Amino acid sequence: MDRMFRVCGFWTGIMAVLFMVGEMHAAAILFFAQTGMFIALSYLKLSERVYIYIFGAYLTLFFVGFTYYTTFIMVPEIGGH
């Protein structure tokens, strides 16, 4: 399970670099933070159950944050120019 957290860290790192290249700096910083969290957690050698609990908490926070953002903060636009 620790290797899967390294895989998540790898992909969030890739997304962070792509956000940085696309000049979306706030998203890049968020994804760099997630990359650091995933990589750090992967080297703790926790039990598989704890990794599942941590990932479940991560997903819960993500869905709550994303729902809040899309409901109350994001301004719906078409075209955006």
C-alpha atoms as a PDB file:
ATOM      1  CA  MET A   1       0.000   0.000   0.000  1.00  0.00           C
ATOM      2  CA  ASP A   2       2.910   2.353   0.614  1.00  0.00           C
ATOM      3  CA  ARG A   3       3.860   1.995  -3.048  1.00  0.00           C
ATOM      4  CA  MET A   4       0.387   3.148  -4.101  1.00  0.00           C
ATOM      5  CA  PHE A   5       0.891   6.320  -2.080  1.00  0.00           C
ATOM      6  CA  ARG A   6       4.136   6.859  -4.013  1.00  0.00           C
ATOM      7  CA  VAL A   7       2.168   6.365  -7.247  1.00  0.00           C
ATOM      8  CA  CYS A   8      -0.374   8.969  -6.088  1.00  0.00           C
ATOM      9  CA  GLY A   9       2.551  11.248  -5.247  1.00  0.00           C
ATOM     10  CA  PHE A  10       4.010  10.723  -8.709  1.00  0.00           C
ATOM     11  CA  TRP A  11       0.760  11.622 -10.490  1.00  0.00           C
ATOM     12  CA  THR A  12       0.021  14.622  -8.294  1.00  0.00           C
ATOM     13  CA  GLY A  13       3.596  15.753  -9.005  1.00  0.00           C
ATOM     14  CA  ILE A  14       2.986  15.435 -12.743  1.00  0.00           C
ATOM     15  CA  MET A  15      -0.233  17.439 -12.407  1.00  0.00           C
ATOM     16  CA  ALA A  16       1.595  20.083 -10.331  1.00  0.00           C
ATOM     17  CA  VAL A  17       4.223  20.527 -13.031  1.00  0.00           C
ATOM     18  CA  LEU A  18       1.525  20.791 -15.711  1.00  0.00           C
ATOM     19  CA  PHE A  19      -0.338  23.395 -13.649  1.00  0.00           C
ATOM     20  CA  MET A  20       2.919  25.325 -13.225  1.00  0.00           C
ATOM     21  CA  VAL A  21       3.577  25.245 -16.976  1.00  0.00           C
ATOM     22  CA  GLY A  22      -0.007  26.402 -17.586  1.00  0.00           C
ATOM     23  CA  GLU A  23       0.575  29.335 -15.198  1.00  0.00           C
ATOM     24  CA  MET A  24      -2.063  28.112 -12.746  1.00  0.00           C
ATOM     25  CA  HIS A  25       0.129  28.744  -9.710  1.00  0.00           C
ATOM     26  CA  ALA A  26      -2.484  28.289  -6.967  1.00  0.00           C
ATOM     27  CA  ALA A  27      -3.400  24.833  -8.264  1.00  0.00           C
ATOM     28  CA  ALA A  28       0.292  23.984  -8.710  1.00  0.00           C
ATOM     29  CA  ILE A  29       1.059  24.842  -5.078  1.00  0.00           C
ATOM     30  CA  LEU A  30      -1.905  22.753  -3.915  1.00  0.00           C
ATOM     31  CA  PHE A  31      -0.737  19.763  -5.945  1.00  0.00           C
ATOM     32  CA  PHE A  32       2.885  20.141  -4.825  1.00  0.00           C
ATOM     33  CA  ALA A  33       1.607  20.027  -1.236  1.00  0.00           C
ATOM     34  CA  GLN A  34      -0.376  16.870  -2.005  1.00  0.00           C
ATOM     35  CA  THR A  35       2.704  15.344  -3.626  1.00  0.00           C
ATOM     36  CA  GLY A  36       4.769  16.006  -0.513  1.00  0.00           C
ATOM     37  CA  MET A  37       2.044  14.566   1.708  1.00  0.00           C
ATOM     38  CA  PHE A  38       1.716  11.377  -0.343  1.00  0.00           C
ATOM     39  CA  ILE A  39       5.466  10.817  -0.562  1.00  0.00           C
ATOM     40  CA  ALA A  40       5.980  11.490   3.156  1.00  0.00           C
ATOM     41  CA  LEU A  41       3.166   9.125   4.128  1.00  0.00           C
ATOM     42  CA  SER A  42       4.493   6.405   1.850  1.00  0.00           C
ATOM     43  CA  TYR A  43       7.733   6.141   3.832  1.00  0.00           C
ATOM     44  CA  LEU A  44       6.058   5.776   7.243  1.00  0.00           C
ATOM     45  CA  LYS A  45       5.559   1.998   6.797  1.00  0.00           C
ATOM     46  CA  LEU A  46       2.052   2.054   8.277  1.00  0.00           C
ATOM     47  CA  SER A  47      -0.342  -0.884   8.185  1.00  0.00           C
ATOM     48  CA  GLU A  48      -2.603  -1.324   5.184  1.00  0.00           C
ATOM     49  CA  ARG A  49      -5.671  -0.496   7.278  1.00  0.00           C
ATOM     50  CA  VAL A  50      -4.199   2.861   8.332  1.00  0.00           C
ATOM     51  CA  TYR A  51      -3.327   3.683   4.723  1.00  0.00           C
ATOM     52  CA  ILE A  52      -6.926   2.963   3.705  1.00  0.00           C
ATOM     53  CA  TYR A  53      -8.247   5.172   6.532  1.00  0.00           C
ATOM     54  CA  ILE A  54      -5.890   8.008   5.534  1.00  0.00           C
ATOM     55  CA  PHE A  55      -6.908   7.720   1.882  1.00  0.00           C
ATOM     56  CA  GLY A  56     -10.602   7.682   2.855  1.00  0.00           C
ATOM     57  CA  ALA A  57     -10.116  10.840   4.918  1.00  0.00           C
ATOM     58  CA  TYR A  58      -8.242  12.444   1.992  1.00  0.00           C
ATOM     59  CA  LEU A  59     -11.087  11.637  -0.406  1.00  0.00           C
ATOM     60  CA  THR A  60     -13.696  12.938   2.045  1.00  0.00           C
ATOM     61  CA  LEU A  61     -11.850  16.247   2.446  1.00  0.00           C
ATOM     62  CA  PHE A  62     -11.417  16.525  -1.313  1.00  0.00           C
ATOM     63  CA  PHE A  63     -15.089  15.934  -2.090  1.00  0.00           C
ATOM     64  CA  VAL A  64     -16.273  18.336   0.619  1.00  0.00           C
ATOM     65  CA  GLY A  65     -13.822  21.020  -0.541  1.00  0.00           C
ATOM     66  CA  PHE A  66     -14.602  20.526  -4.219  1.00  0.00           C
ATOM     67  CA  THR A  67     -18.354  20.623  -3.600  1.00  0.00           C
ATOM     68  CA  TYR A  68     -18.005  23.797  -1.521  1.00  0.00           C
ATOM     69  CA  TYR A  69     -15.851  25.434  -4.193  1.00  0.00           C
ATOM     70  CA  THR A  70     -18.121  24.541  -7.106  1.00  0.00           C
ATOM     71  CA  THR A  71     -21.273  25.524  -5.211  1.00  0.00           C
ATOM     72  CA  PHE A  72     -20.293  28.781  -3.510  1.00  0.00           C
ATOM     73  CA  ILE A  73     -17.079  30.162  -5.053  1.00  0.00           C
ATOM     74  CA  MET A  74     -16.821  29.202  -8.733  1.00  0.00           C
ATOM     75  CA  VAL A  75     -18.443  31.657 -11.139  1.00  0.00           C
ATOM     76  CA  PRO A  76     -20.111  29.796 -14.008  1.00  0.00           C
ATOM     77  CA  GLU A  77     -18.985  31.118 -17.382  1.00  0.00           C
ATOM     78  CA  ILE A  78     -19.165  30.025 -20.975  1.00  0.00           C
ATOM     79  CA  GLY A  79     -16.089  30.793 -23.042  1.00  0.00           C
ATOM     80  CA  GLY A  80     -14.375  32.773 -20.315  1.00  0.00           C
ATOM     81  CA  HIS A  81     -12.715  35.331 -22.608  1.00  0.00           C
END
